[in-house]
Amino acid sequence: MAQICFDFSGINNVYVAARRNDRQTVVFEVTNGLGVFVFMMFFSDDDESKDQLFLYLARTQRMIERKMYGRHKVYEPQFNKFQVYLTDQHQQYIREELGLEGGGNAFDFDAFLSALNKAIPQQLSLADLQENCQTHRDAFACPELRRVVDEAHKIYLIGHKQLPEGKKPREKTLRKLYLHVQADAGVLEHFIEKLKRLNKTLAWTDKAERANGNIRQILSTL
């Protein structure tokens, strides 16, 4: 095997929609045979990982982190590219995710990547994003993802708190709502929009007895 460069062009629509909707998180899964491939991107201004693609291999619980090369912008999206380089090791991990540990030469890796790319969803609703984050919550415990959420050990929501004028809540804090709070997607979207408009952020705790995960109740106090 040799290193492969592949353009995951199928990502473009969900990427552009997320940026236009000020939703700086993309998580979706694609299945292929035995494999479950979870694509993850985090690209707000405060995300050091904004040019990275995280590909979580859910069955074997491995994370592949790759820099995305090429243009990825909101305007003129037809010129975007999402090129990643997959090493021999990455290809081996993917073969194992597919249950092809036995080796052999019959597997066409280029054809597999093309099929994976074509199966990428072209829309990602907030409800789907919530479901994907919670289904694959264990992925966020990987060392590679510890930096995409603030204080990852604090998973219980307390409520909101005011930020200084001109400050907006960090996506790394809001992102925890997708992971740890059960709420209707429409209510959650309204809640996030209002937090941003009022320059408020969220307070979280690692103590379950202090939690208040009732978004409707918290929303009524904004």
N, C-alpha and C. Protein backbone atom coordinates (compact mmCIF):
# COMPACT_ATOMS: atom_id res chain seq x y z
N MET A 1 0.85 -1.20 0.00
CA MET A 1 0.00 0.00 0.00
C MET A 1 0.88 1.25 0.00
N ALA A 2 0.39 2.29 -0.62
CA ALA A 2 1.09 3.58 -0.63
C ALA A 2 0.13 4.65 -0.14
N GLN A 3 0.69 5.78 0.29
CA GLN A 3 -0.15 6.88 0.75
C GLN A 3 -1.11 7.32 -0.35
N ILE A 4 -2.35 7.59 0.03
CA ILE A 4 -3.40 7.99 -0.91
C ILE A 4 -3.85 9.40 -0.59
N CYS A 5 -4.02 10.22 -1.63
CA CYS A 5 -4.67 11.53 -1.48
C CYS A 5 -6.07 11.42 -2.07
N PHE A 6 -7.08 11.82 -1.28
CA PHE A 6 -8.46 11.71 -1.74
C PHE A 6 -9.23 12.97 -1.38
N ASP A 7 -10.05 13.43 -2.30
CA ASP A 7 -10.89 14.61 -2.09
C ASP A 7 -12.29 14.15 -1.69
N PHE A 8 -12.64 14.36 -0.40
CA PHE A 8 -13.99 14.04 0.07
C PHE A 8 -14.94 15.16 -0.33
N SER A 9 -15.18 15.27 -1.61
CA SER A 9 -16.00 16.35 -2.16
C SER A 9 -17.43 16.29 -1.67
N GLY A 10 -17.89 15.09 -1.28
CA GLY A 10 -19.25 14.94 -0.80
C GLY A 10 -19.55 15.72 0.47
N ILE A 11 -18.52 16.15 1.17
CA ILE A 11 -18.68 16.92 2.41
C ILE A 11 -19.20 18.33 2.14
N ASN A 12 -18.98 18.83 0.93
CA ASN A 12 -19.14 20.25 0.65
C ASN A 12 -20.49 20.83 1.07
N ASN A 13 -21.58 20.17 0.74
CA ASN A 13 -22.90 20.74 1.02
C ASN A 13 -23.17 20.88 2.51
N VAL A 14 -22.87 19.85 3.30
CA VAL A 14 -23.14 19.95 4.73
C VAL A 14 -22.17 20.94 5.39
N TYR A 15 -20.97 21.02 4.89
CA TYR A 15 -19.98 21.97 5.42
C TYR A 15 -20.46 23.41 5.19
N VAL A 16 -20.81 23.72 3.96
CA VAL A 16 -21.24 25.08 3.62
C VAL A 16 -22.51 25.45 4.38
N ALA A 17 -23.47 24.53 4.47
CA ALA A 17 -24.72 24.81 5.19
C ALA A 17 -24.45 25.08 6.66
N ALA A 18 -23.55 24.31 7.27
CA ALA A 18 -23.23 24.52 8.68
C ALA A 18 -22.60 25.89 8.90
N ARG A 19 -21.71 26.28 8.01
CA ARG A 19 -21.08 27.60 8.15
C ARG A 19 -22.10 28.72 7.96
N ARG A 20 -22.97 28.57 7.00
CA ARG A 20 -23.97 29.62 6.73
C ARG A 20 -24.97 29.73 7.87
N ASN A 21 -25.25 28.63 8.54
CA ASN A 21 -26.21 28.63 9.65
C ASN A 21 -25.55 28.89 10.99
N ASP A 22 -24.27 29.25 10.97
CA ASP A 22 -23.53 29.50 12.21
C ASP A 22 -23.60 28.31 13.15
N ARG A 23 -23.50 27.13 12.58
CA ARG A 23 -23.46 25.89 13.35
C ARG A 23 -22.10 25.26 13.07
N GLN A 24 -21.15 25.50 13.95
CA GLN A 24 -19.75 25.22 13.65
C GLN A 24 -19.32 23.79 14.00
N THR A 25 -20.24 22.87 13.81
CA THR A 25 -20.00 21.46 14.13
C THR A 25 -20.67 20.59 13.08
N VAL A 26 -19.95 19.62 12.58
CA VAL A 26 -20.52 18.65 11.65
C VAL A 26 -20.14 17.25 12.14
N VAL A 27 -21.15 16.42 12.35
CA VAL A 27 -20.93 15.02 12.72
C VAL A 27 -21.98 14.19 11.99
N PHE A 28 -21.53 13.26 11.17
CA PHE A 28 -22.45 12.35 10.50
C PHE A 28 -21.75 11.01 10.28
N GLU A 29 -22.54 9.97 10.09
CA GLU A 29 -21.97 8.65 9.89
C GLU A 29 -22.34 8.09 8.53
N VAL A 30 -21.44 7.29 8.01
CA VAL A 30 -21.66 6.57 6.76
C VAL A 30 -21.29 5.11 7.02
N THR A 31 -22.17 4.20 6.67
CA THR A 31 -21.86 2.78 6.84
C THR A 31 -21.44 2.18 5.51
N ASN A 32 -20.53 1.22 5.59
CA ASN A 32 -20.08 0.50 4.40
C ASN A 32 -19.71 -0.90 4.85
N GLY A 33 -20.49 -1.89 4.43
CA GLY A 33 -20.25 -3.24 4.90
C GLY A 33 -20.36 -3.29 6.42
N LEU A 34 -19.34 -3.87 7.05
CA LEU A 34 -19.32 -3.92 8.51
C LEU A 34 -18.92 -2.59 9.14
N GLY A 35 -18.34 -1.71 8.35
CA GLY A 35 -17.74 -0.50 8.89
C GLY A 35 -18.73 0.62 9.15
N VAL A 36 -18.47 1.36 10.24
CA VAL A 36 -19.24 2.57 10.55
C VAL A 36 -18.23 3.71 10.63
N PHE A 37 -18.33 4.63 9.68
CA PHE A 37 -17.36 5.71 9.53
C PHE A 37 -18.04 7.03 9.92
N VAL A 38 -17.54 7.65 10.99
CA VAL A 38 -18.15 8.87 11.52
C VAL A 38 -17.25 10.05 11.16
N PHE A 39 -17.76 10.92 10.29
CA PHE A 39 -17.03 12.11 9.87
C PHE A 39 -17.33 13.23 10.86
N MET A 40 -16.29 13.92 11.31
CA MET A 40 -16.46 14.97 12.32
C MET A 40 -15.58 16.16 11.95
N MET A 41 -16.17 17.37 12.01
CA MET A 41 -15.43 18.60 11.76
C MET A 41 -15.89 19.67 12.74
N PHE A 42 -14.94 20.48 13.19
CA PHE A 42 -15.21 21.54 14.17
C PHE A 42 -14.44 22.76 13.70
N PHE A 43 -15.16 23.85 13.35
CA PHE A 43 -14.46 24.89 12.60
C PHE A 43 -14.85 26.32 12.99
N SER A 44 -15.15 26.55 14.26
CA SER A 44 -15.35 27.93 14.70
C SER A 44 -13.98 28.60 14.82
N ASP A 45 -13.97 29.92 15.00
CA ASP A 45 -12.71 30.66 15.09
C ASP A 45 -11.87 30.21 16.28
N ASP A 46 -12.51 29.70 17.34
CA ASP A 46 -11.74 29.29 18.52
C ASP A 46 -11.40 27.80 18.49
N ASP A 47 -11.65 27.14 17.38
CA ASP A 47 -11.27 25.73 17.23
C ASP A 47 -9.91 25.64 16.55
N GLU A 48 -8.92 25.12 17.25
CA GLU A 48 -7.63 24.90 16.64
C GLU A 48 -7.72 23.87 15.53
N SER A 49 -8.80 23.09 15.55
CA SER A 49 -8.97 21.96 14.63
C SER A 49 -9.81 22.32 13.41
N LYS A 50 -9.93 23.61 13.07
CA LYS A 50 -10.91 23.99 12.05
C LYS A 50 -10.55 23.51 10.64
N ASP A 51 -9.33 23.12 10.39
CA ASP A 51 -8.97 22.57 9.08
C ASP A 51 -8.76 21.06 9.14
N GLN A 52 -9.25 20.43 10.20
CA GLN A 52 -9.02 19.00 10.39
C GLN A 52 -10.29 18.20 10.10
N LEU A 53 -10.08 17.02 9.57
CA LEU A 53 -11.14 16.03 9.44
C LEU A 53 -10.85 14.92 10.43
N PHE A 54 -11.81 14.63 11.28
CA PHE A 54 -11.71 13.50 12.21
C PHE A 54 -12.60 12.40 11.66
N LEU A 55 -12.01 11.25 11.39
CA LEU A 55 -12.75 10.11 10.89
C LEU A 55 -12.70 9.03 11.95
N TYR A 56 -13.84 8.84 12.64
CA TYR A 56 -13.91 7.88 13.73
C TYR A 56 -14.41 6.55 13.18
N LEU A 57 -13.64 5.50 13.44
CA LEU A 57 -14.00 4.16 13.02
C LEU A 57 -14.72 3.51 14.19
N ALA A 58 -16.04 3.54 14.15
CA ALA A 58 -16.83 3.27 15.35
C ALA A 58 -16.76 1.82 15.80
N ARG A 59 -16.67 0.89 14.86
CA ARG A 59 -16.68 -0.53 15.25
C ARG A 59 -15.38 -0.91 15.97
N THR A 60 -14.26 -0.40 15.46
CA THR A 60 -12.96 -0.71 16.06
C THR A 60 -12.48 0.38 17.01
N GLN A 61 -13.25 1.47 17.12
CA GLN A 61 -13.00 2.57 18.06
C GLN A 61 -11.60 3.17 17.87
N ARG A 62 -11.32 3.49 16.62
CA ARG A 62 -10.07 4.20 16.30
C ARG A 62 -10.42 5.55 15.69
N MET A 63 -9.54 6.53 15.92
CA MET A 63 -9.73 7.86 15.36
C MET A 63 -8.60 8.15 14.38
N ILE A 64 -8.98 8.62 13.20
CA ILE A 64 -8.01 9.10 12.21
C ILE A 64 -8.19 10.61 12.11
N GLU A 65 -7.14 11.36 12.37
CA GLU A 65 -7.18 12.82 12.27
C GLU A 65 -6.31 13.25 11.09
N ARG A 66 -6.88 13.99 10.18
CA ARG A 66 -6.17 14.40 8.98
C ARG A 66 -6.44 15.87 8.67
N LYS A 67 -5.42 16.57 8.25
CA LYS A 67 -5.60 17.94 7.79
C LYS A 67 -6.30 17.92 6.44
N MET A 68 -7.26 18.83 6.26
CA MET A 68 -7.95 18.97 4.99
C MET A 68 -7.24 20.03 4.15
N TYR A 69 -6.76 19.64 3.02
CA TYR A 69 -6.07 20.57 2.12
C TYR A 69 -7.05 21.07 1.06
N GLY A 70 -6.73 22.22 0.52
CA GLY A 70 -7.59 22.81 -0.51
C GLY A 70 -8.45 23.91 0.06
N ARG A 71 -9.27 24.45 -0.79
CA ARG A 71 -10.13 25.58 -0.43
C ARG A 71 -11.42 25.05 0.17
N HIS A 72 -11.83 25.62 1.34
CA HIS A 72 -13.16 25.34 1.86
C HIS A 72 -13.75 26.63 2.40
N LYS A 73 -14.54 27.27 1.55
CA LYS A 73 -15.14 28.56 1.85
C LYS A 73 -16.65 28.49 1.67
N VAL A 74 -17.34 29.49 2.22
CA VAL A 74 -18.80 29.57 2.09
C VAL A 74 -19.19 30.14 0.73
N TYR A 75 -18.44 31.14 0.25
CA TYR A 75 -18.76 31.73 -1.03
C TYR A 75 -18.06 30.93 -2.14
N GLU A 76 -18.71 30.85 -3.29
CA GLU A 76 -18.25 30.06 -4.43
C GLU A 76 -17.84 28.65 -4.01
N PRO A 77 -18.77 27.93 -3.39
CA PRO A 77 -18.43 26.60 -2.86
C PRO A 77 -18.10 25.58 -3.94
N GLN A 78 -18.43 25.88 -5.19
CA GLN A 78 -18.12 24.94 -6.27
C GLN A 78 -16.62 24.75 -6.46
N PHE A 79 -15.82 25.64 -5.88
CA PHE A 79 -14.36 25.52 -6.00
C PHE A 79 -13.72 24.86 -4.78
N ASN A 80 -14.54 24.42 -3.83
CA ASN A 80 -14.00 23.83 -2.60
C ASN A 80 -13.38 22.46 -2.85
N LYS A 81 -12.40 22.14 -2.03
CA LYS A 81 -11.78 20.82 -2.02
C LYS A 81 -11.56 20.39 -0.57
N PHE A 82 -11.66 19.11 -0.32
CA PHE A 82 -11.47 18.56 1.02
C PHE A 82 -10.51 17.36 0.91
N GLN A 83 -9.29 17.67 0.52
CA GLN A 83 -8.30 16.63 0.25
C GLN A 83 -7.60 16.19 1.54
N VAL A 84 -7.53 14.90 1.74
CA VAL A 84 -6.80 14.34 2.88
C VAL A 84 -5.85 13.27 2.38
N TYR A 85 -4.77 13.10 3.13
CA TYR A 85 -3.79 12.06 2.82
C TYR A 85 -3.94 10.93 3.83
N LEU A 86 -4.10 9.72 3.32
CA LEU A 86 -4.24 8.55 4.17
C LEU A 86 -2.99 7.68 4.03
N THR A 87 -2.31 7.47 5.14
CA THR A 87 -1.07 6.70 5.14
C THR A 87 -1.38 5.20 5.09
N ASP A 88 -0.33 4.42 4.96
CA ASP A 88 -0.48 2.96 5.00
C ASP A 88 -1.18 2.52 6.29
N GLN A 89 -0.81 3.14 7.42
CA GLN A 89 -1.41 2.78 8.70
C GLN A 89 -2.90 3.09 8.72
N HIS A 90 -3.27 4.26 8.20
CA HIS A 90 -4.69 4.62 8.15
C HIS A 90 -5.47 3.62 7.29
N GLN A 91 -4.90 3.25 6.17
CA GLN A 91 -5.56 2.29 5.29
C GLN A 91 -5.73 0.94 5.98
N GLN A 92 -4.75 0.56 6.78
CA GLN A 92 -4.87 -0.70 7.52
C GLN A 92 -5.98 -0.62 8.55
N TYR A 93 -6.07 0.52 9.24
CA TYR A 93 -7.15 0.71 10.22
C TYR A 93 -8.52 0.58 9.53
N ILE A 94 -8.63 1.17 8.34
CA ILE A 94 -9.90 1.13 7.62
C ILE A 94 -10.23 -0.29 7.18
N ARG A 95 -9.24 -1.02 6.74
CA ARG A 95 -9.45 -2.43 6.38
C ARG A 95 -9.95 -3.21 7.59
N GLU A 96 -9.37 -2.95 8.75
CA GLU A 96 -9.80 -3.65 9.96
C GLU A 96 -11.22 -3.26 10.35
N GLU A 97 -11.56 -1.99 10.16
CA GLU A 97 -12.94 -1.54 10.43
C GLU A 97 -13.93 -2.28 9.53
N LEU A 98 -13.51 -2.57 8.32
CA LEU A 98 -14.35 -3.28 7.36
C LEU A 98 -14.33 -4.79 7.56
N GLY A 99 -13.49 -5.27 8.49
CA GLY A 99 -13.39 -6.70 8.72
C GLY A 99 -12.53 -7.42 7.71
N LEU A 100 -11.56 -6.69 7.14
CA LEU A 100 -10.69 -7.26 6.09
C LEU A 100 -9.28 -7.48 6.62
N GLU A 101 -9.17 -7.90 7.87
CA GLU A 101 -7.85 -8.05 8.49
C GLU A 101 -6.99 -9.11 7.81
N GLY A 102 -7.63 -10.01 7.09
CA GLY A 102 -6.89 -11.12 6.50
C GLY A 102 -5.96 -10.73 5.38
N GLY A 103 -6.06 -9.48 4.92
CA GLY A 103 -5.19 -9.05 3.84
C GLY A 103 -5.73 -9.49 2.48
N GLY A 104 -4.84 -9.68 1.52
CA GLY A 104 -5.27 -10.02 0.17
C GLY A 104 -5.25 -8.80 -0.72
N ASN A 105 -5.29 -9.01 -2.01
CA ASN A 105 -5.15 -7.92 -2.97
C ASN A 105 -6.46 -7.55 -3.66
N ALA A 106 -7.56 -8.19 -3.30
CA ALA A 106 -8.80 -7.98 -4.02
C ALA A 106 -9.46 -6.64 -3.68
N PHE A 107 -9.13 -6.06 -2.53
CA PHE A 107 -9.81 -4.85 -2.07
C PHE A 107 -9.30 -3.64 -2.85
N ASP A 108 -10.22 -2.92 -3.49
CA ASP A 108 -9.89 -1.71 -4.26
C ASP A 108 -10.13 -0.50 -3.37
N PHE A 109 -9.06 0.07 -2.82
CA PHE A 109 -9.20 1.14 -1.84
C PHE A 109 -9.76 2.41 -2.48
N ASP A 110 -9.35 2.71 -3.71
CA ASP A 110 -9.88 3.90 -4.40
C ASP A 110 -11.39 3.77 -4.62
N ALA A 111 -11.83 2.58 -4.99
CA ALA A 111 -13.27 2.37 -5.21
C ALA A 111 -14.02 2.49 -3.89
N PHE A 112 -13.42 1.99 -2.81
CA PHE A 112 -14.05 2.11 -1.50
C PHE A 112 -14.22 3.57 -1.11
N LEU A 113 -13.17 4.38 -1.26
CA LEU A 113 -13.24 5.80 -0.90
C LEU A 113 -14.28 6.53 -1.75
N SER A 114 -14.36 6.19 -3.01
CA SER A 114 -15.36 6.81 -3.89
C SER A 114 -16.77 6.46 -3.43
N ALA A 115 -16.98 5.21 -3.04
CA ALA A 115 -18.30 4.79 -2.55
C ALA A 115 -18.64 5.49 -1.24
N LEU A 116 -17.66 5.61 -0.37
CA LEU A 116 -17.86 6.29 0.90
C LEU A 116 -18.24 7.75 0.65
N ASN A 117 -17.53 8.38 -0.26
CA ASN A 117 -17.78 9.78 -0.59
C ASN A 117 -19.19 9.99 -1.15
N LYS A 118 -19.62 9.08 -2.03
CA LYS A 118 -20.95 9.19 -2.64
C LYS A 118 -22.07 8.98 -1.62
N ALA A 119 -21.77 8.27 -0.54
CA ALA A 119 -22.79 7.97 0.47
C ALA A 119 -22.91 9.07 1.53
N ILE A 120 -22.07 10.09 1.46
CA ILE A 120 -22.13 11.18 2.43
C ILE A 120 -23.47 11.92 2.30
N PRO A 121 -24.19 12.13 3.42
CA PRO A 121 -25.47 12.85 3.34
C PRO A 121 -25.28 14.28 2.86
N GLN A 122 -26.26 14.78 2.13
CA GLN A 122 -26.16 16.14 1.59
C GLN A 122 -26.90 17.17 2.43
N GLN A 123 -27.56 16.71 3.49
CA GLN A 123 -28.19 17.60 4.46
C GLN A 123 -27.92 17.05 5.85
N LEU A 124 -27.79 17.94 6.81
CA LEU A 124 -27.57 17.53 8.20
C LEU A 124 -28.39 18.45 9.09
N SER A 125 -29.54 17.98 9.52
CA SER A 125 -30.39 18.78 10.40
C SER A 125 -29.79 18.81 11.80
N LEU A 126 -30.27 19.75 12.62
CA LEU A 126 -29.80 19.80 14.00
C LEU A 126 -30.20 18.53 14.75
N ALA A 127 -31.38 18.00 14.44
CA ALA A 127 -31.81 16.75 15.08
C ALA A 127 -30.86 15.61 14.73
N ASP A 128 -30.43 15.55 13.48
CA ASP A 128 -29.48 14.52 13.06
C ASP A 128 -28.13 14.73 13.74
N LEU A 129 -27.71 15.98 13.83
CA LEU A 129 -26.44 16.29 14.50
C LEU A 129 -26.48 15.84 15.96
N GLN A 130 -27.56 16.17 16.66
CA GLN A 130 -27.72 15.72 18.05
C GLN A 130 -27.62 14.21 18.16
N GLU A 131 -28.38 13.53 17.31
CA GLU A 131 -28.41 12.07 17.37
C GLU A 131 -27.03 11.47 17.11
N ASN A 132 -26.34 12.01 16.11
CA ASN A 132 -25.02 11.49 15.78
C ASN A 132 -24.02 11.72 16.91
N CYS A 133 -24.07 12.92 17.50
CA CYS A 133 -23.15 13.23 18.62
C CYS A 133 -23.40 12.29 19.80
N GLN A 134 -24.67 12.05 20.11
CA GLN A 134 -24.98 11.22 21.27
C GLN A 134 -24.75 9.74 20.99
N THR A 135 -25.01 9.31 19.75
CA THR A 135 -24.73 7.93 19.39
C THR A 135 -23.24 7.62 19.50
N HIS A 136 -22.42 8.59 19.12
CA HIS A 136 -20.97 8.38 19.10
C HIS A 136 -20.27 9.24 20.16
N ARG A 137 -20.92 9.35 21.30
CA ARG A 137 -20.36 10.16 22.39
C ARG A 137 -18.99 9.66 22.83
N ASP A 138 -18.77 8.34 22.72
CA ASP A 138 -17.49 7.79 23.14
C ASP A 138 -16.34 8.33 22.29
N ALA A 139 -16.62 8.76 21.07
CA ALA A 139 -15.56 9.33 20.22
C ALA A 139 -14.97 10.58 20.84
N PHE A 140 -15.80 11.34 21.57
CA PHE A 140 -15.34 12.59 22.17
C PHE A 140 -14.41 12.36 23.34
N ALA A 141 -14.29 11.11 23.78
CA ALA A 141 -13.33 10.78 24.84
C ALA A 141 -11.94 10.49 24.27
N CYS A 142 -11.83 10.40 22.95
CA CYS A 142 -10.53 10.17 22.33
C CYS A 142 -9.62 11.37 22.57
N PRO A 143 -8.33 11.15 22.74
CA PRO A 143 -7.41 12.28 22.97
C PRO A 143 -7.49 13.35 21.89
N GLU A 144 -7.73 12.94 20.65
CA GLU A 144 -7.77 13.89 19.55
C GLU A 144 -8.91 14.89 19.66
N LEU A 145 -9.98 14.54 20.39
CA LEU A 145 -11.16 15.41 20.46
C LEU A 145 -11.29 16.16 21.78
N ARG A 146 -10.37 15.96 22.68
CA ARG A 146 -10.49 16.63 23.98
C ARG A 146 -10.49 18.15 23.85
N ARG A 147 -9.88 18.67 22.81
CA ARG A 147 -9.79 20.12 22.66
C ARG A 147 -11.00 20.75 21.98
N VAL A 148 -11.97 19.94 21.55
CA VAL A 148 -13.11 20.52 20.84
C VAL A 148 -14.28 20.84 21.77
N VAL A 149 -14.19 20.45 23.04
CA VAL A 149 -15.19 20.84 24.04
C VAL A 149 -14.47 21.39 25.27
N ASP A 150 -15.06 22.41 25.87
CA ASP A 150 -14.51 22.98 27.10
C ASP A 150 -14.82 22.07 28.28
N GLU A 151 -13.80 21.81 29.10
CA GLU A 151 -14.00 21.06 30.35
C GLU A 151 -14.90 19.84 30.11
N ALA A 152 -14.37 18.93 29.31
CA ALA A 152 -15.17 17.79 28.86
C ALA A 152 -15.74 16.95 29.99
N HIS A 153 -15.11 17.00 31.17
CA HIS A 153 -15.59 16.19 32.30
C HIS A 153 -16.86 16.78 32.92
N LYS A 154 -17.16 18.05 32.61
CA LYS A 154 -18.37 18.68 33.15
C LYS A 154 -19.51 18.47 32.14
N ILE A 155 -20.36 17.53 32.43
CA ILE A 155 -21.38 17.11 31.46
C ILE A 155 -22.81 17.46 31.88
N TYR A 156 -22.97 18.10 33.05
CA TYR A 156 -24.30 18.43 33.55
C TYR A 156 -24.53 19.93 33.45
N LEU A 157 -25.60 20.30 32.79
CA LEU A 157 -25.91 21.70 32.58
C LEU A 157 -26.54 22.32 33.82
N ILE A 158 -26.03 23.47 34.23
CA ILE A 158 -26.60 24.22 35.36
C ILE A 158 -27.54 25.31 34.84
N GLY A 159 -27.05 26.13 33.93
CA GLY A 159 -27.86 27.24 33.42
C GLY A 159 -27.00 28.18 32.60
N HIS A 160 -27.48 29.39 32.41
CA HIS A 160 -26.75 30.37 31.60
C HIS A 160 -26.08 31.41 32.49
N LYS A 161 -25.12 32.12 31.92
CA LYS A 161 -24.48 33.22 32.63
C LYS A 161 -24.06 34.28 31.62
N GLN A 162 -24.03 35.52 32.11
CA GLN A 162 -23.76 36.66 31.24
C GLN A 162 -22.28 36.76 30.90
N LEU A 163 -22.02 37.14 29.66
CA LEU A 163 -20.65 37.41 29.22
C LEU A 163 -20.44 38.92 29.14
N PRO A 164 -19.19 39.35 29.16
CA PRO A 164 -18.93 40.79 28.97
C PRO A 164 -19.46 41.25 27.62
N GLU A 165 -19.78 42.53 27.52
CA GLU A 165 -20.32 43.08 26.29
C GLU A 165 -19.36 42.82 25.13
N GLY A 166 -19.94 42.41 24.01
CA GLY A 166 -19.12 42.14 22.82
C GLY A 166 -18.62 40.72 22.72
N LYS A 167 -18.79 39.94 23.78
CA LYS A 167 -18.34 38.55 23.78
C LYS A 167 -19.48 37.63 23.37
N LYS A 168 -19.14 36.59 22.67
CA LYS A 168 -20.11 35.58 22.27
C LYS A 168 -19.74 34.26 22.94
N PRO A 169 -20.72 33.39 23.17
CA PRO A 169 -20.39 32.08 23.77
C PRO A 169 -19.50 31.27 22.83
N ARG A 170 -18.58 30.53 23.42
CA ARG A 170 -17.68 29.70 22.64
C ARG A 170 -18.41 28.45 22.13
N GLU A 171 -18.14 28.11 20.89
CA GLU A 171 -18.74 26.89 20.33
C GLU A 171 -18.32 25.67 21.14
N LYS A 172 -17.14 25.72 21.73
CA LYS A 172 -16.65 24.59 22.53
C LYS A 172 -17.52 24.35 23.76
N THR A 173 -18.21 25.40 24.19
CA THR A 173 -19.14 25.28 25.32
C THR A 173 -20.53 24.88 24.85
N LEU A 174 -21.01 25.52 23.78
CA LEU A 174 -22.34 25.21 23.25
C LEU A 174 -22.41 23.79 22.69
N ARG A 175 -21.31 23.32 22.16
CA ARG A 175 -21.25 21.98 21.55
C ARG A 175 -21.66 20.89 22.52
N LYS A 176 -21.45 21.13 23.80
CA LYS A 176 -21.80 20.13 24.80
C LYS A 176 -23.31 19.91 24.88
N LEU A 177 -24.09 20.87 24.40
CA LEU A 177 -25.54 20.68 24.36
C LEU A 177 -25.92 19.51 23.46
N TYR A 178 -25.23 19.38 22.33
CA TYR A 178 -25.53 18.28 21.41
C TYR A 178 -25.23 16.93 22.06
N LEU A 179 -24.23 16.93 22.91
CA LEU A 179 -23.74 15.68 23.50
C LEU A 179 -24.53 15.24 24.71
N HIS A 180 -24.91 16.19 25.57
CA HIS A 180 -25.33 15.83 26.92
C HIS A 180 -26.74 16.25 27.31
N VAL A 181 -27.47 16.92 26.42
CA VAL A 181 -28.80 17.42 26.79
C VAL A 181 -29.85 16.83 25.85
N GLN A 182 -30.89 16.27 26.43
CA GLN A 182 -32.03 15.76 25.66
C GLN A 182 -33.03 16.90 25.50
N ALA A 183 -33.23 17.34 24.28
CA ALA A 183 -34.18 18.43 24.03
C ALA A 183 -34.60 18.37 22.58
N ASP A 184 -35.81 18.85 22.32
CA ASP A 184 -36.29 18.96 20.95
C ASP A 184 -35.35 19.86 20.16
N ALA A 185 -35.04 19.46 18.93
CA ALA A 185 -34.06 20.20 18.13
C ALA A 185 -34.49 21.65 17.90
N GLY A 186 -35.79 21.88 17.69
CA GLY A 186 -36.25 23.24 17.48
C GLY A 186 -36.06 24.12 18.71
N VAL A 187 -36.34 23.56 19.88
CA VAL A 187 -36.14 24.30 21.14
C VAL A 187 -34.66 24.57 21.34
N LEU A 188 -33.84 23.58 21.08
CA LEU A 188 -32.39 23.74 21.26
C LEU A 188 -31.84 24.81 20.33
N GLU A 189 -32.30 24.81 19.09
CA GLU A 189 -31.82 25.81 18.14
C GLU A 189 -32.20 27.21 18.59
N HIS A 190 -33.44 27.38 19.05
CA HIS A 190 -33.89 28.68 19.56
C HIS A 190 -33.06 29.10 20.77
N PHE A 191 -32.77 28.15 21.64
CA PHE A 191 -31.98 28.41 22.84
C PHE A 191 -30.58 28.91 22.47
N ILE A 192 -29.93 28.25 21.53
CA ILE A 192 -28.58 28.65 21.12
C ILE A 192 -28.59 30.02 20.46
N GLU A 193 -29.57 30.25 19.60
CA GLU A 193 -29.68 31.57 18.94
C GLU A 193 -29.84 32.68 19.96
N LYS A 194 -30.65 32.42 20.99
CA LYS A 194 -30.89 33.45 22.00
C LYS A 194 -29.66 33.69 22.86
N LEU A 195 -28.94 32.64 23.19
CA LEU A 195 -27.69 32.80 23.95
C LEU A 195 -26.72 33.70 23.19
N LYS A 196 -26.59 33.47 21.91
CA LYS A 196 -25.66 34.27 21.10
C LYS A 196 -26.12 35.72 20.99
N ARG A 197 -27.42 35.90 20.84
CA ARG A 197 -27.96 37.25 20.70
C ARG A 197 -27.80 38.06 21.98
N LEU A 198 -27.91 37.38 23.13
CA LEU A 198 -27.86 38.07 24.43
C LEU A 198 -26.47 38.04 25.07
N ASN A 199 -25.48 37.54 24.34
CA ASN A 199 -24.11 37.44 24.86
C ASN A 199 -24.06 36.65 26.17
N LYS A 200 -24.71 35.50 26.14
CA LYS A 200 -24.69 34.62 27.31
C LYS A 200 -24.03 33.30 26.95
N THR A 201 -23.45 32.67 27.95
CA THR A 201 -22.88 31.35 27.76
C THR A 201 -23.52 30.39 28.75
N LEU A 202 -22.97 29.20 28.88
CA LEU A 202 -23.55 28.18 29.73
C LEU A 202 -22.62 27.79 30.85
N ALA A 203 -23.20 27.44 31.98
CA ALA A 203 -22.44 26.91 33.12
C ALA A 203 -22.70 25.41 33.20
N TRP A 204 -21.61 24.65 33.36
CA TRP A 204 -21.69 23.19 33.44
C TRP A 204 -21.02 22.71 34.71
N THR A 205 -21.38 21.52 35.16
CA THR A 205 -20.80 20.96 36.38
C THR A 205 -20.53 19.47 36.17
N ASP A 206 -19.68 18.92 37.00
CA ASP A 206 -19.47 17.46 36.98
C ASP A 206 -20.27 16.76 38.08
N LYS A 207 -21.14 17.52 38.75
CA LYS A 207 -21.95 16.98 39.84
C LYS A 207 -23.41 16.87 39.39
N ALA A 208 -23.89 15.65 39.27
CA ALA A 208 -25.24 15.40 38.75
C ALA A 208 -26.32 16.09 39.58
N GLU A 209 -26.11 16.20 40.90
CA GLU A 209 -27.15 16.77 41.76
C GLU A 209 -27.34 18.27 41.52
N ARG A 210 -26.40 18.93 40.85
CA ARG A 210 -26.53 20.37 40.56
C ARG A 210 -27.12 20.63 39.18
N ALA A 211 -27.43 19.58 38.46
CA ALA A 211 -27.83 19.72 37.05
C ALA A 211 -29.23 20.28 36.90
N ASN A 212 -29.41 21.01 35.82
CA ASN A 212 -30.74 21.41 35.37
C ASN A 212 -30.73 21.30 33.85
N GLY A 213 -31.09 20.15 33.34
CA GLY A 213 -31.06 19.92 31.90
C GLY A 213 -32.33 20.29 31.19
N ASN A 214 -33.25 20.98 31.90
CA ASN A 214 -34.53 21.35 31.29
C ASN A 214 -34.34 22.63 30.47
N ILE A 215 -34.13 22.46 29.17
CA ILE A 215 -33.85 23.60 28.31
C ILE A 215 -35.01 24.59 28.29
N ARG A 216 -36.24 24.09 28.27
CA ARG A 216 -37.40 25.01 28.23
C ARG A 216 -37.43 25.88 29.47
N GLN A 217 -37.11 25.28 30.62
CA GLN A 217 -37.11 26.06 31.86
C GLN A 217 -36.01 27.12 31.85
N ILE A 218 -34.81 26.72 31.41
CA ILE A 218 -33.70 27.68 31.35
C ILE A 218 -34.00 28.77 30.33
N LEU A 219 -34.59 28.38 29.19
CA LEU A 219 -34.92 29.34 28.15
C LEU A 219 -35.89 30.39 28.65
N SER A 220 -36.81 29.99 29.52
CA SER A 220 -37.80 30.93 30.03
C SER A 220 -37.18 32.00 30.93
N THR A 221 -35.96 31.78 31.40
CA THR A 221 -35.29 32.77 32.26
C THR A 221 -34.37 33.69 31.50
N LEU A 222 -34.22 33.49 30.21
CA LEU A 222 -33.35 34.36 29.41
C LEU A 222 -34.01 35.71 29.14
